[in-house]
């Protein structure tokens, strides 16, 4: 078990999903991952923290009061020790802050930005809540990646924001994927969507959750009312699939024990 007590600037540290039916979402993710929940009250927007072995791994929340037209979706948050400095840098390097920075009482500070390619992303400054306290075990986060049509612009923006080292692992044409590292640790990736993706596919961050059997996981997801978008497929990083929950929020699952050269 990989337990975490802190995250360096730029590492994905948390993910949460907006859903139109909190109780239905809780049932789905419990059936899929075995999540238990710690629920906040109305004063905290009925935010629900998902737990694995009693440790926070992700969040589920209804749409914020007064919001309309927010589609069900997962959001990924990158760690920052100084949220105000990060927000100022975002404004300086061709992107924009669309929410915050704001205090979340007792837990930390957050903001939502929009990168230059149009992908929204979160930034989290830890207070009482550092993010996911366990990673890489079944039901916990395993990886996060950005999908975009403009890989060069995305690489440049996030490198200027957090100083990632970035390595192309594809051919840069048919498979354009860069792996982002902090020091000697790979922490995230960037994928250029190919021609097989819908032309109107929005740039987005996606979260992967670890499972001990990708095929069994997608079967559980389908039985619980979800939808298998793609896969399961083998990869050098594990056997993975893309899944949509009953409300349409898309995420990925990966069995990292099934690494295959393809």
C-alpha atoms as a PDB file:
ATOM      1  CA  UNK A   1       0.000   0.000   0.000  1.00  0.00           C
ATOM      2  CA  UNK A   2       1.400   3.397  -1.029  1.00  0.00           C
ATOM      3  CA  UNK A   3       0.307   5.807   1.676  1.00  0.00           C
ATOM      4  CA  UNK A   4       0.782   9.530   1.124  1.00  0.00           C
ATOM      5  CA  UNK A   5       1.160  12.338   3.640  1.00  0.00           C
ATOM      6  CA  UNK A   6       2.123  15.095   1.178  1.00  0.00           C
ATOM      7  CA  UNK A   7       2.421  15.925  -2.524  1.00  0.00           C
ATOM      8  CA  UNK A   8       5.013  18.046  -4.348  1.00  0.00           C
ATOM      9  CA  UNK A   9       3.850  20.968  -6.446  1.00  0.00           C
ATOM     10  CA  UNK A  10       2.362  19.743  -9.721  1.00  0.00           C
ATOM     11  CA  UNK A  11       1.553  16.171  -8.759  1.00  0.00           C
ATOM     12  CA  UNK A  12      -2.097  15.161  -9.159  1.00  0.00           C
ATOM     13  CA  UNK A  13      -3.303  14.842  -5.579  1.00  0.00           C
ATOM     14  CA  UNK A  14      -7.099  14.592  -5.730  1.00  0.00           C
ATOM     15  CA  UNK A  15     -10.059  13.973  -8.008  1.00  0.00           C
ATOM     16  CA  UNK A  16     -13.764  14.495  -7.534  1.00  0.00           C
ATOM     17  CA  UNK A  17     -16.894  14.055  -9.588  1.00  0.00           C
ATOM     18  CA  UNK A  18     -19.984  16.225  -9.952  1.00  0.00           C
ATOM     19  CA  UNK A  19     -23.146  14.141 -10.153  1.00  0.00           C
ATOM     20  CA  UNK A  20     -26.847  14.878 -10.389  1.00  0.00           C
ATOM     21  CA  UNK A  21     -27.763  12.027  -8.023  1.00  0.00           C
ATOM     22  CA  UNK A  22     -25.399  11.699  -5.069  1.00  0.00           C
ATOM     23  CA  UNK A  23     -26.958   8.558  -3.614  1.00  0.00           C
ATOM     24  CA  UNK A  24     -27.007   6.763  -6.974  1.00  0.00           C
ATOM     25  CA  UNK A  25     -23.375   7.686  -7.586  1.00  0.00           C
ATOM     26  CA  UNK A  26     -22.400   6.406  -4.150  1.00  0.00           C
ATOM     27  CA  UNK A  27     -24.118   3.093  -4.859  1.00  0.00           C
ATOM     28  CA  UNK A  28     -22.397   2.755  -8.242  1.00  0.00           C
ATOM     29  CA  UNK A  29     -18.875   3.460  -6.987  1.00  0.00           C
ATOM     30  CA  UNK A  30     -19.396   1.258  -3.924  1.00  0.00           C
ATOM     31  CA  UNK A  31     -20.388  -1.615  -6.234  1.00  0.00           C
ATOM     32  CA  UNK A  32     -17.392  -0.944  -8.479  1.00  0.00           C
ATOM     33  CA  UNK A  33     -14.630  -0.110  -5.980  1.00  0.00           C
ATOM     34  CA  UNK A  34     -16.063  -0.987  -2.581  1.00  0.00           C
ATOM     35  CA  UNK A  35     -15.885   2.652  -1.504  1.00  0.00           C
ATOM     36  CA  UNK A  36     -17.232   3.675   1.868  1.00  0.00           C
ATOM     37  CA  UNK A  37     -18.150   7.314   2.452  1.00  0.00           C
ATOM     38  CA  UNK A  38     -17.723  10.171   4.854  1.00  0.00           C
ATOM     39  CA  UNK A  39     -20.467  12.680   4.145  1.00  0.00           C
ATOM     40  CA  UNK A  40     -20.379  16.374   4.947  1.00  0.00           C
ATOM     41  CA  UNK A  41     -23.517  18.306   5.756  1.00  0.00           C
ATOM     42  CA  UNK A  42     -25.386  20.942   3.765  1.00  0.00           C
ATOM     43  CA  UNK A  43     -23.008  23.628   5.047  1.00  0.00           C
ATOM     44  CA  UNK A  44     -20.245  21.944   2.996  1.00  0.00           C
ATOM     45  CA  UNK A  45     -22.402  21.336  -0.066  1.00  0.00           C
ATOM     46  CA  UNK A  46     -23.120  17.691   0.865  1.00  0.00           C
ATOM     47  CA  UNK A  47     -19.636  16.774  -0.326  1.00  0.00           C
ATOM     48  CA  UNK A  48     -18.968  13.037   0.056  1.00  0.00           C
ATOM     49  CA  UNK A  49     -15.430  11.726   0.578  1.00  0.00           C
ATOM     50  CA  UNK A  50     -14.784   8.200  -0.715  1.00  0.00           C
ATOM     51  CA  UNK A  51     -12.663   5.976   1.526  1.00  0.00           C
ATOM     52  CA  UNK A  52     -10.461   2.931   0.899  1.00  0.00           C
ATOM     53  CA  UNK A  53      -9.278   1.180   4.077  1.00  0.00           C
ATOM     54  CA  UNK A  54     -10.610   4.231   5.913  1.00  0.00           C
ATOM     55  CA  UNK A  55      -8.430   6.680   3.963  1.00  0.00           C
ATOM     56  CA  UNK A  56      -9.681   9.402   1.580  1.00  0.00           C
ATOM     57  CA  UNK A  57      -9.183   8.644  -2.123  1.00  0.00           C
ATOM     58  CA  UNK A  58     -11.719  10.789  -4.059  1.00  0.00           C
ATOM     59  CA  UNK A  59     -14.810  12.973  -3.753  1.00  0.00           C
ATOM     60  CA  UNK A  60     -18.401  12.922  -4.982  1.00  0.00           C
ATOM     61  CA  UNK A  61     -20.571  16.027  -4.918  1.00  0.00           C
ATOM     62  CA  UNK A  62     -23.865  17.373  -6.251  1.00  0.00           C
ATOM     63  CA  UNK A  63     -23.765  20.476  -8.475  1.00  0.00           C
ATOM     64  CA  UNK A  64     -23.004  23.643  -6.474  1.00  0.00           C
ATOM     65  CA  UNK A  65     -26.086  25.626  -5.446  1.00  0.00           C
ATOM     66  CA  UNK A  66     -27.277  27.974  -8.176  1.00  0.00           C
ATOM     67  CA  UNK A  67     -25.240  26.265 -10.912  1.00  0.00           C
ATOM     68  CA  UNK A  68     -26.914  25.204 -14.117  1.00  0.00           C
ATOM     69  CA  UNK A  69     -25.683  23.241 -17.072  1.00  0.00           C
ATOM     70  CA  UNK A  70     -22.657  21.692 -15.348  1.00  0.00           C
ATOM     71  CA  UNK A  71     -22.234  18.264 -16.966  1.00  0.00           C
ATOM     72  CA  UNK A  72     -21.389  15.293 -14.732  1.00  0.00           C
ATOM     73  CA  UNK A  73     -17.606  14.984 -14.925  1.00  0.00           C
ATOM     74  CA  UNK A  74     -14.475  14.085 -13.008  1.00  0.00           C
ATOM     75  CA  UNK A  75     -12.002  16.859 -12.123  1.00  0.00           C
ATOM     76  CA  UNK A  76      -8.300  16.404 -11.355  1.00  0.00           C
ATOM     77  CA  UNK A  77      -6.442  18.647  -8.890  1.00  0.00           C
ATOM     78  CA  UNK A  78      -2.712  19.403  -9.005  1.00  0.00           C
ATOM     79  CA  UNK A  79      -0.905  20.149  -5.748  1.00  0.00           C
ATOM     80  CA  UNK A  80       0.472  23.597  -4.919  1.00  0.00           C
ATOM     81  CA  UNK A  81       2.057  24.839  -1.704  1.00  0.00           C
ATOM     82  CA  UNK A  82       1.192  28.440  -2.664  1.00  0.00           C
ATOM     83  CA  UNK A  83      -2.135  28.712  -4.443  1.00  0.00           C
ATOM     84  CA  UNK A  84      -2.009  32.476  -4.871  1.00  0.00           C
ATOM     85  CA  UNK A  85       1.392  32.291  -6.560  1.00  0.00           C
ATOM     86  CA  UNK A  86       0.148  29.521  -8.859  1.00  0.00           C
ATOM     87  CA  UNK A  87      -2.954  31.540  -9.754  1.00  0.00           C
ATOM     88  CA  UNK A  88      -0.806  34.569 -10.589  1.00  0.00           C
ATOM     89  CA  UNK A  89       1.448  32.449 -12.801  1.00  0.00           C
ATOM     90  CA  UNK A  90      -1.556  30.989 -14.625  1.00  0.00           C
ATOM     91  CA  UNK A  91      -2.633  34.501 -15.559  1.00  0.00           C
ATOM     92  CA  UNK A  92       0.890  35.292 -16.774  1.00  0.00           C
ATOM     93  CA  UNK A  93       1.375  32.307 -19.104  1.00  0.00           C
ATOM     94  CA  UNK A  94      -1.640  32.380 -21.382  1.00  0.00           C
ATOM     95  CA  UNK A  95      -4.331  30.662 -19.338  1.00  0.00           C
ATOM     96  CA  UNK A  96      -7.022  31.855 -16.947  1.00  0.00           C
ATOM     97  CA  UNK A  97      -8.431  31.272 -13.488  1.00  0.00           C
ATOM     98  CA  UNK A  98     -12.155  30.554 -13.682  1.00  0.00           C
ATOM     99  CA  UNK A  99     -12.897  29.931  -9.980  1.00  0.00           C
ATOM    100  CA  UNK A 100     -11.060  30.920  -6.796  1.00  0.00           C
ATOM    101  CA  UNK A 101      -8.668  30.866  -5.158  1.00  0.00           C
ATOM    102  CA  UNK A 102     -10.983  30.127  -2.250  1.00  0.00           C
ATOM    103  CA  UNK A 103     -10.718  28.715   1.248  1.00  0.00           C
ATOM    104  CA  UNK A 104     -12.368  25.400   2.095  1.00  0.00           C
ATOM    105  CA  UNK A 105     -12.704  25.637   5.890  1.00  0.00           C
ATOM    106  CA  UNK A 106     -10.674  23.066   7.764  1.00  0.00           C
ATOM    107  CA  UNK A 107      -9.310  21.358   4.660  1.00  0.00           C
ATOM    108  CA  UNK A 108      -7.311  23.707   2.407  1.00  0.00           C
ATOM    109  CA  UNK A 109      -7.637  26.083  -0.534  1.00  0.00           C
ATOM    110  CA  UNK A 110      -8.657  25.458  -4.138  1.00  0.00           C
ATOM    111  CA  UNK A 111      -9.031  27.017  -7.536  1.00  0.00           C
ATOM    112  CA  UNK A 112     -10.114  25.928 -11.002  1.00  0.00           C
ATOM    113  CA  UNK A 113      -8.171  27.034 -14.072  1.00  0.00           C
ATOM    114  CA  UNK A 114      -8.544  26.665 -17.825  1.00  0.00           C
ATOM    115  CA  UNK A 115      -5.367  25.787 -19.699  1.00  0.00           C
ATOM    116  CA  UNK A 116      -4.554  27.352 -23.117  1.00  0.00           C
ATOM    117  CA  UNK A 117      -5.920  24.292 -24.955  1.00  0.00           C
ATOM    118  CA  UNK A 118      -9.302  24.561 -23.203  1.00  0.00           C
ATOM    119  CA  UNK A 119      -8.949  21.856 -20.556  1.00  0.00           C
ATOM    120  CA  UNK A 120     -10.176  22.720 -17.054  1.00  0.00           C
ATOM    121  CA  UNK A 121      -7.993  21.658 -14.130  1.00  0.00           C
ATOM    122  CA  UNK A 122      -8.005  22.101 -10.384  1.00  0.00           C
ATOM    123  CA  UNK A 123      -5.228  23.193  -8.041  1.00  0.00           C
ATOM    124  CA  UNK A 124      -5.242  22.242  -4.356  1.00  0.00           C
ATOM    125  CA  UNK A 125      -3.273  23.740  -1.466  1.00  0.00           C
ATOM    126  CA  UNK A 126      -3.358  21.288   1.420  1.00  0.00           C
ATOM    127  CA  UNK A 127      -4.579  22.231   4.853  1.00  0.00           C
ATOM    128  CA  UNK A 128      -6.238  19.565   6.958  1.00  0.00           C
ATOM    129  CA  UNK A 129      -6.784  17.558   3.759  1.00  0.00           C
ATOM    130  CA  UNK A 130      -3.693  16.662   1.702  1.00  0.00           C
ATOM    131  CA  UNK A 131      -5.549  14.776  -1.037  1.00  0.00           C
ATOM    132  CA  UNK A 132      -5.665  11.035  -1.603  1.00  0.00           C
ATOM    133  CA  UNK A 133      -3.996   9.385   1.386  1.00  0.00           C
ATOM    134  CA  UNK A 134      -3.486   6.080  -0.406  1.00  0.00           C
ATOM    135  CA  UNK A 135      -2.727   5.479  -4.101  1.00  0.00           C
ATOM    136  CA  UNK A 136      -2.131   2.553  -6.425  1.00  0.00           C
ATOM    137  CA  UNK A 137      -4.247  -0.001  -4.548  1.00  0.00           C
ATOM    138  CA  UNK A 138      -7.658  -1.232  -5.778  1.00  0.00           C
ATOM    139  CA  UNK A 139     -10.166   1.608  -5.602  1.00  0.00           C
ATOM    140  CA  UNK A 140      -7.521   4.328  -5.208  1.00  0.00           C
ATOM    141  CA  UNK A 141      -6.110   6.712  -7.834  1.00  0.00           C
ATOM    142  CA  UNK A 142      -3.352   5.278 -10.013  1.00  0.00           C
ATOM    143  CA  UNK A 143      -2.664   7.863 -12.739  1.00  0.00           C
ATOM    144  CA  UNK A 144      -3.931  11.098 -14.289  1.00  0.00           C
ATOM    145  CA  UNK A 145      -3.519  12.406 -17.817  1.00  0.00           C
ATOM    146  CA  UNK A 146      -4.487  15.335 -19.982  1.00  0.00           C
ATOM    147  CA  UNK A 147      -6.230  14.740 -23.321  1.00  0.00           C
ATOM    148  CA  UNK A 148      -5.909  17.591 -25.809  1.00  0.00           C
ATOM    149  CA  UNK A 149      -5.594  18.376 -29.521  1.00  0.00           C
ATOM    150  CA  UNK A 150      -2.584  20.655 -28.993  1.00  0.00           C
ATOM    151  CA  UNK A 151       0.171  18.726 -27.266  1.00  0.00           C
ATOM    152  CA  UNK A 152       2.946  21.274 -27.755  1.00  0.00           C
ATOM    153  CA  UNK A 153       0.939  24.109 -26.187  1.00  0.00           C
ATOM    154  CA  UNK A 154      -0.161  21.913 -23.281  1.00  0.00           C
ATOM    155  CA  UNK A 155       3.382  20.695 -22.603  1.00  0.00           C
ATOM    156  CA  UNK A 156       4.753  24.237 -22.634  1.00  0.00           C
ATOM    157  CA  UNK A 157       2.046  25.623 -20.334  1.00  0.00           C
ATOM    158  CA  UNK A 158       2.235  22.968 -17.631  1.00  0.00           C
ATOM    159  CA  UNK A 159       6.050  22.890 -17.781  1.00  0.00           C
ATOM    160  CA  UNK A 160       6.127  26.626 -17.139  1.00  0.00           C
ATOM    161  CA  UNK A 161       3.628  26.222 -14.302  1.00  0.00           C
ATOM    162  CA  UNK A 162       5.199  23.317 -12.411  1.00  0.00           C
ATOM    163  CA  UNK A 163       8.592  22.575 -13.979  1.00  0.00           C
ATOM    164  CA  UNK A 164       7.827  19.066 -15.203  1.00  0.00           C
ATOM    165  CA  UNK A 165      10.399  17.068 -17.111  1.00  0.00           C
ATOM    166  CA  UNK A 166       8.535  15.794 -20.174  1.00  0.00           C
ATOM    167  CA  UNK A 167       9.428  12.780 -22.295  1.00  0.00           C
ATOM    168  CA  UNK A 168       7.781  11.697 -25.545  1.00  0.00           C
ATOM    169  CA  UNK A 169       7.015   7.965 -25.310  1.00  0.00           C
ATOM    170  CA  UNK A 170       5.179   7.622 -28.633  1.00  0.00           C
ATOM    171  CA  UNK A 171       6.239   8.443 -32.172  1.00  0.00           C
ATOM    172  CA  UNK A 172       4.902  11.987 -31.792  1.00  0.00           C
ATOM    173  CA  UNK A 173       2.601  11.574 -34.797  1.00  0.00           C
ATOM    174  CA  UNK A 174       0.355   8.518 -34.694  1.00  0.00           C
ATOM    175  CA  UNK A 175       0.765   8.199 -30.951  1.00  0.00           C
ATOM    176  CA  UNK A 176       1.672  11.496 -29.308  1.00  0.00           C
ATOM    177  CA  UNK A 177       2.063  10.972 -25.553  1.00  0.00           C
ATOM    178  CA  UNK A 178       4.391  12.719 -23.143  1.00  0.00           C
ATOM    179  CA  UNK A 179       5.084  11.484 -19.625  1.00  0.00           C
ATOM    180  CA  UNK A 180       5.588  14.227 -17.033  1.00  0.00           C
ATOM    181  CA  UNK A 181       8.000  13.712 -14.144  1.00  0.00           C
ATOM    182  CA  UNK A 182       8.992  15.564 -11.004  1.00  0.00           C
ATOM    183  CA  UNK A 183      12.512  14.547 -10.094  1.00  0.00           C
ATOM    184  CA  UNK A 184      12.749  10.812 -10.754  1.00  0.00           C
ATOM    185  CA  UNK A 185       9.008  10.148 -10.387  1.00  0.00           C
ATOM    186  CA  UNK A 186       6.517   9.972 -13.256  1.00  0.00           C
ATOM    187  CA  UNK A 187       3.394  11.792 -12.049  1.00  0.00           C
ATOM    188  CA  UNK A 188       1.113  12.449 -15.054  1.00  0.00           C
ATOM    189  CA  UNK A 189       0.791  12.209 -18.807  1.00  0.00           C
ATOM    190  CA  UNK A 190      -0.415  14.170 -21.824  1.00  0.00           C
ATOM    191  CA  UNK A 191      -2.180  12.491 -24.755  1.00  0.00           C
ATOM    192  CA  UNK A 192      -3.043  14.065 -28.091  1.00  0.00           C
ATOM    193  CA  UNK A 193      -6.434  12.754 -29.155  1.00  0.00           C
ATOM    194  CA  UNK A 194      -6.303  11.166 -32.575  1.00  0.00           C
ATOM    195  CA  UNK A 195      -8.638  11.285 -35.551  1.00  0.00           C
ATOM    196  CA  UNK A 196     -10.687   8.442 -34.055  1.00  0.00           C
ATOM    197  CA  UNK A 197     -11.948  10.809 -31.347  1.00  0.00           C
ATOM    198  CA  UNK A 198     -15.016  13.005 -32.018  1.00  0.00           C
ATOM    199  CA  UNK A 199     -14.081  16.307 -33.638  1.00  0.00           C
ATOM    200  CA  UNK A 200     -15.880  18.144 -30.855  1.00  0.00           C
ATOM    201  CA  UNK A 201     -14.225  16.103 -28.077  1.00  0.00           C
ATOM    202  CA  UNK A 202     -13.348  18.619 -25.378  1.00  0.00           C
ATOM    203  CA  UNK A 203      -9.835  18.841 -23.921  1.00  0.00           C
ATOM    204  CA  UNK A 204      -9.961  17.270 -20.473  1.00  0.00           C
ATOM    205  CA  UNK A 205      -8.082  15.684 -17.612  1.00  0.00           C
ATOM    206  CA  UNK A 206      -8.963  12.086 -16.810  1.00  0.00           C
ATOM    207  CA  UNK A 207      -8.366  10.027 -13.681  1.00  0.00           C
ATOM    208  CA  UNK A 208      -7.429   6.339 -13.535  1.00  0.00           C
ATOM    209  CA  UNK A 209      -8.373   4.137 -10.587  1.00  0.00           C
ATOM    210  CA  UNK A 210      -6.499   0.956  -9.764  1.00  0.00           C
ATOM    211  CA  UNK A 211      -8.341  -2.366  -9.927  1.00  0.00           C
ATOM    212  CA  UNK A 212      -7.130  -5.914  -9.405  1.00  0.00           C
ATOM    213  CA  UNK A 213      -8.891  -7.213 -12.554  1.00  0.00           C
ATOM    214  CA  UNK A 214      -9.940  -4.830 -15.342  1.00  0.00           C
ATOM    215  CA  UNK A 215     -12.308  -7.309 -16.971  1.00  0.00           C
ATOM    216  CA  UNK A 216     -14.111  -8.020 -13.704  1.00  0.00           C
ATOM    217  CA  UNK A 217     -14.235  -4.284 -12.957  1.00  0.00           C
ATOM    218  CA  UNK A 218     -15.969  -3.378 -16.218  1.00  0.00           C
ATOM    219  CA  UNK A 219     -18.427  -6.214 -15.662  1.00  0.00           C
ATOM    220  CA  UNK A 220     -19.245  -4.772 -12.228  1.00  0.00           C
ATOM    221  CA  UNK A 221     -19.569  -1.286 -13.717  1.00  0.00           C
ATOM    222  CA  UNK A 222     -22.026  -2.474 -16.371  1.00  0.00           C
ATOM    223  CA  UNK A 223     -24.051  -4.454 -13.829  1.00  0.00           C
ATOM    224  CA  UNK A 224     -24.284  -1.364 -11.601  1.00  0.00           C
ATOM    225  CA  UNK A 225     -25.662   0.815 -14.399  1.00  0.00           C
ATOM    226  CA  UNK A 226     -22.469   2.198 -15.916  1.00  0.00           C
ATOM    227  CA  UNK A 227     -21.243   1.971 -19.495  1.00  0.00           C
ATOM    228  CA  UNK A 228     -17.985   0.659 -20.924  1.00  0.00           C
ATOM    229  CA  UNK A 229     -16.648   3.284 -23.346  1.00  0.00           C
ATOM    230  CA  UNK A 230     -13.532   1.418 -24.521  1.00  0.00           C
ATOM    231  CA  UNK A 231     -11.593  -1.685 -23.558  1.00  0.00           C
ATOM    232  CA  UNK A 232     -10.400  -3.453 -21.624  1.00  0.00           C
ATOM    233  CA  UNK A 233      -7.163  -3.235 -23.606  1.00  0.00           C
ATOM    234  CA  UNK A 234      -3.601  -4.280 -22.832  1.00  0.00           C
ATOM    235  CA  UNK A 235      -0.779  -1.742 -22.608  1.00  0.00           C
ATOM    236  CA  UNK A 236       2.778  -1.535 -21.286  1.00  0.00           C
ATOM    237  CA  UNK A 237       1.341   0.131 -18.172  1.00  0.00           C
ATOM    238  CA  UNK A 238      -1.434  -2.374 -17.466  1.00  0.00           C
ATOM    239  CA  UNK A 239      -4.787  -3.630 -18.698  1.00  0.00           C
ATOM    240  CA  UNK A 240      -7.162  -0.673 -18.824  1.00  0.00           C
ATOM    241  CA  UNK A 241     -10.651   0.438 -19.775  1.00  0.00           C
ATOM    242  CA  UNK A 242     -12.609   3.688 -20.023  1.00  0.00           C
ATOM    243  CA  UNK A 243     -15.926   3.692 -18.175  1.00  0.00           C
ATOM    244  CA  UNK A 244     -18.852   6.098 -17.768  1.00  0.00           C
ATOM    245  CA  UNK A 245     -20.863   6.107 -14.556  1.00  0.00           C
ATOM    246  CA  UNK A 246     -24.702   6.079 -14.691  1.00  0.00           C
ATOM    247  CA  UNK A 247     -24.752   9.891 -14.865  1.00  0.00           C
ATOM    248  CA  UNK A 248     -22.261   9.970 -17.759  1.00  0.00           C
ATOM    249  CA  UNK A 249     -19.064  11.003 -15.932  1.00  0.00           C
ATOM    250  CA  UNK A 250     -16.085   9.311 -17.613  1.00  0.00           C
ATOM    251  CA  UNK A 251     -13.031   7.821 -15.880  1.00  0.00           C
ATOM    252  CA  UNK A 252     -10.595   4.950 -16.416  1.00  0.00           C
ATOM    253  CA  UNK A 253      -9.650   1.775 -14.567  1.00  0.00           C
ATOM    254  CA  UNK A 254      -6.313  -0.003 -14.770  1.00  0.00           C
ATOM    255  CA  UNK A 255      -4.888  -3.314 -13.561  1.00  0.00           C
ATOM    256  CA  UNK A 256      -1.207  -2.444 -13.288  1.00  0.00           C
ATOM    257  CA  UNK A 257      -0.232  -6.084 -12.706  1.00  0.00           C
ATOM    258  CA  UNK A 258      -1.140  -6.876 -16.335  1.00  0.00           C
ATOM    259  CA  UNK A 259       1.637  -5.017 -18.123  1.00  0.00           C
ATOM    260  CA  UNK A 260       2.051  -6.213 -21.701  1.00  0.00           C
ATOM    261  CA  UNK A 261       4.359  -5.120 -24.489  1.00  0.00           C
ATOM    262  CA  UNK A 262       2.040  -4.251 -27.372  1.00  0.00           C
END
